[in-house]
Protein backbone atom coordinates (compact mmCIF):
# COMPACT_ATOMS: atom_id res chain seq x y z
CA UNK A 1 0.00 0.00 0.00
CA UNK A 2 1.45 3.33 -1.09
CA UNK A 3 0.73 6.50 0.86
CA UNK A 4 1.51 9.93 -0.55
CA UNK A 5 3.03 12.24 2.04
CA UNK A 6 3.77 15.95 2.24
CA UNK A 7 6.93 15.92 4.32
CA UNK A 8 9.65 13.40 5.21
CA UNK A 9 11.35 13.37 8.61
CA UNK A 10 14.46 11.17 8.76
CA UNK A 11 15.21 10.48 12.41
CA UNK A 12 17.28 7.34 11.82
CA UNK A 13 20.32 8.84 13.57
CA UNK A 14 18.37 10.02 16.64
CA UNK A 15 17.82 8.27 19.96
CA UNK A 16 14.61 8.49 21.99
CA UNK A 17 12.88 10.80 22.64
CA UNK A 18 14.34 12.98 19.86
CA UNK A 19 12.28 11.44 16.99
CA UNK A 20 9.06 12.18 18.87
CA UNK A 21 10.12 15.76 19.61
CA UNK A 22 11.09 16.31 15.98
CA UNK A 23 7.77 14.79 14.88
CA UNK A 24 5.84 17.26 17.03
CA UNK A 25 7.88 20.19 15.70
CA UNK A 26 7.32 19.10 12.09
CA UNK A 27 3.58 18.54 12.53
CA UNK A 28 3.17 21.90 14.29
CA UNK A 29 4.41 23.61 11.12
CA UNK A 30 2.18 21.61 8.77
CA UNK A 31 -1.41 22.52 7.83
CA UNK A 32 -4.35 20.28 8.78
CA UNK A 33 -4.80 17.40 6.35
CA UNK A 34 -1.06 17.07 5.70
CA UNK A 35 0.77 13.77 6.06
CA UNK A 36 4.19 13.34 7.62
CA UNK A 37 6.37 10.31 6.93
CA UNK A 38 8.69 9.59 9.84
CA UNK A 39 11.57 7.14 9.47
CA UNK A 40 13.29 6.00 12.67
CA UNK A 41 15.53 3.16 13.79
CA UNK A 42 15.14 3.18 17.56
CA UNK A 43 12.58 0.60 18.71
CA UNK A 44 11.56 2.79 21.64
CA UNK A 45 10.23 5.30 19.14
CA UNK A 46 7.38 2.94 18.21
CA UNK A 47 5.68 3.19 21.61
CA UNK A 48 6.41 6.92 21.90
CA UNK A 49 4.89 7.74 18.49
CA UNK A 50 1.81 5.60 19.13
CA UNK A 51 1.20 7.39 22.44
CA UNK A 52 1.92 10.81 20.94
CA UNK A 53 -0.55 10.28 18.10
CA UNK A 54 -3.22 8.85 20.39
CA UNK A 55 -3.02 11.90 22.70
CA UNK A 56 -3.03 14.56 19.97
CA UNK A 57 -5.16 15.53 16.96
CA UNK A 58 -3.33 13.18 14.59
CA UNK A 59 -4.08 9.89 12.89
CA UNK A 60 -1.53 7.11 12.41
CA UNK A 61 -2.34 6.00 8.87
CA UNK A 62 0.29 3.30 8.64
CA UNK A 63 3.20 1.83 10.58
CA UNK A 64 5.78 -0.35 8.84
CA UNK A 65 8.90 -2.16 10.00
CA UNK A 66 11.42 -2.92 7.28
CA UNK A 67 15.18 -3.21 6.77
CA UNK A 68 15.60 0.57 7.15
CA UNK A 69 13.80 0.64 10.50
CA UNK A 70 10.32 1.92 11.25
CA UNK A 71 8.15 4.09 9.02
CA UNK A 72 5.17 6.02 10.32
CA UNK A 73 2.63 7.91 8.22
CA UNK A 74 0.94 10.49 10.42
CA UNK A 75 -1.93 12.71 9.30
CA UNK A 76 -2.56 16.03 11.00
CA UNK A 77 -6.29 16.38 11.67
């Protein structure tokens, strides 16, 4: 399944909680309806992003684990 996104955030070099902080900063700058693709390697980021999305006006469209790490597609509501 392919998802078009508006912005890419590569946090593969960052340790927790930096990917979540950068995700919030990126989404704050984006208009409603936009989709952010986050790429991260740290496994702790998975739980943090799920919690962050659940507690904010965002929707986690897709979460994928592959050879590059974890990919999250987050829509700003």
